[in-house]
């Protein structure tokens, strides 16, 4: 038997909505969405650019301004994607 995350009432395995509070039941085996994969890729790219920005201080062939600009753009994209994912969850 499963339990509702909001009100802790018992649920059948085939129910899609809680009978007590009306909240939707999240499928545990649901595949990851495109939005979650996009957030993961942006986060990895952000961490790579953060490392490149630090490395550009010590390596002469890397441009500090280009790395910092890429880091700033990826930060904006990452924060926007996080915000959109949170508002979609409710």
N, C-alpha and C. Protein backbone atom coordinates (compact mmCIF):
# COMPACT_ATOMS: atom_id res chain seq x y z
N UNK A 1 0.84 -1.19 0.00
CA UNK A 1 0.00 0.00 0.00
C UNK A 1 0.88 1.25 0.00
N UNK A 2 0.50 2.18 -0.81
CA UNK A 2 1.19 3.45 -0.87
C UNK A 2 0.48 4.45 0.03
N UNK A 3 1.19 5.53 0.34
CA UNK A 3 0.63 6.61 1.14
C UNK A 3 0.79 7.93 0.40
N UNK A 4 -0.16 8.82 0.60
CA UNK A 4 -0.10 10.15 0.00
C UNK A 4 1.00 10.95 0.67
N UNK A 5 1.75 11.70 -0.10
CA UNK A 5 2.83 12.53 0.45
C UNK A 5 2.31 13.75 1.18
N UNK A 6 1.12 14.19 0.83
CA UNK A 6 0.57 15.41 1.44
C UNK A 6 -0.19 15.12 2.72
N UNK A 7 -1.12 14.14 2.69
CA UNK A 7 -1.97 13.92 3.85
C UNK A 7 -1.78 12.55 4.50
N UNK A 8 -0.90 11.71 3.96
CA UNK A 8 -0.55 10.40 4.50
C UNK A 8 -1.72 9.42 4.52
N UNK A 9 -2.70 9.58 3.67
CA UNK A 9 -3.79 8.62 3.60
C UNK A 9 -3.36 7.44 2.73
N UNK A 10 -3.95 6.28 2.97
CA UNK A 10 -3.57 5.08 2.21
C UNK A 10 -4.18 5.13 0.82
N UNK A 11 -3.42 4.59 -0.13
CA UNK A 11 -3.84 4.63 -1.53
C UNK A 11 -3.70 3.25 -2.15
N UNK A 12 -4.52 2.97 -3.11
CA UNK A 12 -4.36 1.75 -3.91
C UNK A 12 -3.27 2.00 -4.93
N UNK A 13 -2.74 0.92 -5.48
CA UNK A 13 -1.64 1.08 -6.43
C UNK A 13 -2.09 1.64 -7.77
N UNK A 14 -3.38 1.55 -8.10
CA UNK A 14 -3.86 2.04 -9.39
C UNK A 14 -4.47 3.43 -9.32
N UNK A 15 -4.51 4.05 -8.15
CA UNK A 15 -5.10 5.38 -8.02
C UNK A 15 -4.14 6.45 -8.55
N UNK A 16 -4.69 7.42 -9.24
CA UNK A 16 -3.91 8.51 -9.80
C UNK A 16 -4.07 9.80 -9.01
N UNK A 17 -5.05 9.81 -8.09
CA UNK A 17 -5.34 11.00 -7.31
C UNK A 17 -5.71 10.57 -5.89
N UNK A 18 -5.28 11.34 -4.91
CA UNK A 18 -5.57 11.01 -3.52
C UNK A 18 -7.05 11.26 -3.23
N UNK A 19 -7.68 10.33 -2.54
CA UNK A 19 -9.10 10.48 -2.22
C UNK A 19 -9.30 11.47 -1.08
N UNK A 20 -8.28 11.67 -0.25
CA UNK A 20 -8.42 12.55 0.91
C UNK A 20 -8.21 14.02 0.60
N UNK A 21 -7.12 14.31 -0.08
CA UNK A 21 -6.79 15.72 -0.33
C UNK A 21 -6.88 16.12 -1.80
N UNK A 22 -6.96 15.15 -2.70
CA UNK A 22 -7.11 15.45 -4.11
C UNK A 22 -5.81 15.72 -4.85
N UNK A 23 -4.66 15.53 -4.21
CA UNK A 23 -3.40 15.77 -4.89
C UNK A 23 -3.08 14.64 -5.85
N UNK A 24 -2.35 14.96 -6.89
CA UNK A 24 -1.98 13.95 -7.89
C UNK A 24 -0.86 13.08 -7.35
N UNK A 25 -0.90 11.81 -7.71
CA UNK A 25 0.09 10.85 -7.27
C UNK A 25 1.19 10.78 -8.33
N UNK A 26 2.43 10.91 -7.90
CA UNK A 26 3.58 10.88 -8.80
C UNK A 26 3.99 9.43 -9.01
N UNK A 27 4.14 9.04 -10.27
CA UNK A 27 4.56 7.68 -10.60
C UNK A 27 6.04 7.53 -10.26
N UNK A 28 6.37 6.50 -9.49
CA UNK A 28 7.76 6.29 -9.06
C UNK A 28 8.65 5.84 -10.21
N UNK A 29 8.10 5.16 -11.19
CA UNK A 29 8.88 4.63 -12.30
C UNK A 29 8.76 5.48 -13.56
N UNK A 30 8.35 6.72 -13.41
CA UNK A 30 8.19 7.60 -14.57
C UNK A 30 9.57 7.94 -15.15
N UNK A 31 9.69 7.98 -16.46
CA UNK A 31 10.97 8.34 -17.06
C UNK A 31 11.26 9.83 -16.83
N UNK A 32 12.55 10.18 -16.86
CA UNK A 32 12.91 11.57 -16.66
C UNK A 32 12.44 12.40 -17.85
N UNK A 33 11.98 13.57 -17.55
CA UNK A 33 11.42 14.43 -18.58
C UNK A 33 12.55 15.16 -19.33
N UNK A 34 12.18 15.73 -20.46
CA UNK A 34 13.12 16.52 -21.24
C UNK A 34 13.62 17.70 -20.42
N UNK A 35 12.74 18.29 -19.62
CA UNK A 35 13.11 19.44 -18.81
C UNK A 35 14.17 19.07 -17.77
N UNK A 36 14.04 17.93 -17.15
CA UNK A 36 15.02 17.50 -16.15
C UNK A 36 16.37 17.20 -16.80
N UNK A 37 16.34 16.58 -17.98
CA UNK A 37 17.60 16.32 -18.69
C UNK A 37 18.28 17.61 -19.12
N UNK A 38 17.48 18.59 -19.55
CA UNK A 38 18.03 19.88 -19.95
C UNK A 38 18.67 20.58 -18.74
N UNK A 39 18.01 20.51 -17.60
CA UNK A 39 18.56 21.12 -16.39
C UNK A 39 19.89 20.46 -16.01
N UNK A 40 19.98 19.14 -16.17
CA UNK A 40 21.21 18.43 -15.85
C UNK A 40 22.34 18.84 -16.78
N UNK A 41 22.06 18.95 -18.07
CA UNK A 41 23.09 19.35 -19.04
C UNK A 41 23.56 20.77 -18.77
N UNK A 42 22.63 21.68 -18.47
CA UNK A 42 23.01 23.06 -18.19
C UNK A 42 23.84 23.14 -16.91
N UNK A 43 23.50 22.34 -15.91
CA UNK A 43 24.26 22.35 -14.66
C UNK A 43 25.68 21.85 -14.88
N UNK A 44 25.83 20.79 -15.68
CA UNK A 44 27.17 20.26 -15.97
C UNK A 44 27.98 21.28 -16.75
N UNK A 45 27.36 21.93 -17.74
CA UNK A 45 28.07 22.95 -18.51
C UNK A 45 28.46 24.13 -17.63
N UNK A 46 27.59 24.50 -16.68
CA UNK A 46 27.89 25.59 -15.76
C UNK A 46 29.11 25.24 -14.91
N UNK A 47 29.18 24.01 -14.41
CA UNK A 47 30.33 23.60 -13.61
C UNK A 47 31.61 23.55 -14.43
N UNK A 48 31.51 23.13 -15.70
CA UNK A 48 32.69 23.12 -16.57
C UNK A 48 33.18 24.54 -16.81
N UNK A 49 32.25 25.46 -17.08
CA UNK A 49 32.66 26.84 -17.30
C UNK A 49 33.20 27.48 -16.03
N UNK A 50 32.71 27.08 -14.87
CA UNK A 50 33.27 27.59 -13.62
C UNK A 50 34.72 27.14 -13.47
N UNK A 51 34.99 25.88 -13.81
CA UNK A 51 36.36 25.37 -13.75
C UNK A 51 37.25 26.07 -14.80
N UNK A 52 36.70 26.30 -15.99
CA UNK A 52 37.47 26.99 -17.03
C UNK A 52 37.76 28.44 -16.63
N UNK A 53 36.83 29.08 -15.95
CA UNK A 53 37.05 30.46 -15.52
C UNK A 53 38.18 30.52 -14.50
N UNK A 54 38.20 29.58 -13.58
CA UNK A 54 39.30 29.55 -12.61
C UNK A 54 40.61 29.21 -13.31
N UNK A 55 40.57 28.27 -14.26
CA UNK A 55 41.78 27.88 -14.98
C UNK A 55 42.29 29.01 -15.87
N UNK A 56 41.40 29.88 -16.33
CA UNK A 56 41.84 30.95 -17.23
C UNK A 56 42.71 31.98 -16.51
N UNK A 57 42.65 32.02 -15.20
CA UNK A 57 43.54 32.92 -14.46
C UNK A 57 44.98 32.43 -14.57
N UNK A 58 45.18 31.12 -14.65
CA UNK A 58 46.52 30.55 -14.65
C UNK A 58 47.02 30.17 -16.04
N UNK A 59 46.11 29.91 -16.99
CA UNK A 59 46.50 29.48 -18.34
C UNK A 59 46.36 30.68 -19.28
N UNK A 60 47.41 30.94 -20.00
CA UNK A 60 47.43 32.13 -20.85
C UNK A 60 46.58 31.98 -22.11
N UNK A 61 46.37 30.76 -22.58
CA UNK A 61 45.64 30.57 -23.83
C UNK A 61 44.12 30.73 -23.65
N UNK A 62 43.61 30.69 -22.42
CA UNK A 62 42.19 30.88 -22.16
C UNK A 62 41.92 32.35 -21.85
N UNK A 63 40.87 32.87 -22.43
CA UNK A 63 40.49 34.25 -22.19
C UNK A 63 39.58 34.33 -20.96
N UNK A 64 39.97 35.14 -20.00
CA UNK A 64 39.19 35.27 -18.77
C UNK A 64 37.81 35.86 -19.07
N UNK A 65 37.75 36.86 -19.93
CA UNK A 65 36.47 37.52 -20.22
C UNK A 65 35.50 36.61 -20.94
N UNK A 66 36.01 35.81 -21.87
CA UNK A 66 35.13 34.88 -22.59
C UNK A 66 34.60 33.80 -21.65
N UNK A 67 35.45 33.27 -20.78
CA UNK A 67 35.02 32.26 -19.83
C UNK A 67 34.02 32.85 -18.83
N UNK A 68 34.28 34.06 -18.37
CA UNK A 68 33.38 34.69 -17.42
C UNK A 68 32.03 35.02 -18.07
N UNK A 69 32.05 35.45 -19.32
CA UNK A 69 30.81 35.74 -20.03
C UNK A 69 29.99 34.47 -20.23
N UNK A 70 30.64 33.38 -20.62
CA UNK A 70 29.95 32.10 -20.77
C UNK A 70 29.39 31.61 -19.44
N UNK A 71 30.13 31.84 -18.37
CA UNK A 71 29.66 31.46 -17.04
C UNK A 71 28.44 32.27 -16.64
N UNK A 72 28.45 33.56 -16.93
CA UNK A 72 27.30 34.41 -16.59
C UNK A 72 26.06 34.02 -17.39
N UNK A 73 26.23 33.73 -18.68
CA UNK A 73 25.10 33.33 -19.52
C UNK A 73 24.54 32.00 -19.03
N UNK A 74 25.41 31.05 -18.73
CA UNK A 74 24.94 29.76 -18.24
C UNK A 74 24.28 29.87 -16.87
N UNK A 75 24.72 30.81 -16.05
CA UNK A 75 24.06 31.03 -14.76
C UNK A 75 22.63 31.52 -14.98
N UNK A 76 22.45 32.43 -15.92
CA UNK A 76 21.10 32.93 -16.22
C UNK A 76 20.21 31.82 -16.77
N UNK A 77 20.74 30.99 -17.66
CA UNK A 77 19.97 29.88 -18.22
C UNK A 77 19.62 28.87 -17.12
N UNK A 78 20.60 28.58 -16.26
CA UNK A 78 20.38 27.62 -15.17
C UNK A 78 19.33 28.12 -14.19
N UNK A 79 19.40 29.37 -13.80
CA UNK A 79 18.42 29.89 -12.85
C UNK A 79 17.03 29.97 -13.49
N UNK A 80 16.96 30.28 -14.77
CA UNK A 80 15.68 30.32 -15.46
C UNK A 80 15.07 28.92 -15.56
N UNK A 81 15.88 27.93 -15.89
CA UNK A 81 15.39 26.55 -15.99
C UNK A 81 14.94 26.03 -14.62
N UNK A 82 15.67 26.37 -13.57
CA UNK A 82 15.27 25.96 -12.23
C UNK A 82 13.95 26.61 -11.83
N UNK A 83 13.78 27.87 -12.15
CA UNK A 83 12.56 28.58 -11.82
C UNK A 83 11.36 28.00 -12.56
N UNK A 84 11.54 27.70 -13.84
CA UNK A 84 10.45 27.12 -14.63
C UNK A 84 10.07 25.73 -14.12
N UNK A 85 11.06 24.96 -13.69
CA UNK A 85 10.77 23.62 -13.17
C UNK A 85 10.02 23.70 -11.84
N UNK A 86 10.35 24.67 -11.01
CA UNK A 86 9.67 24.81 -9.73
C UNK A 86 8.24 25.29 -9.90
N UNK A 87 8.00 26.21 -10.84
CA UNK A 87 6.64 26.69 -11.04
C UNK A 87 5.77 25.62 -11.69
N UNK A 88 6.37 24.72 -12.45
CA UNK A 88 5.60 23.66 -13.08
C UNK A 88 5.18 22.62 -12.03
N UNK A 89 6.00 22.40 -11.02
CA UNK A 89 5.67 21.43 -9.98
C UNK A 89 4.53 21.93 -9.11
N UNK A 90 4.41 23.21 -8.96
CA UNK A 90 3.30 23.74 -8.18
C UNK A 90 3.75 24.38 -6.98
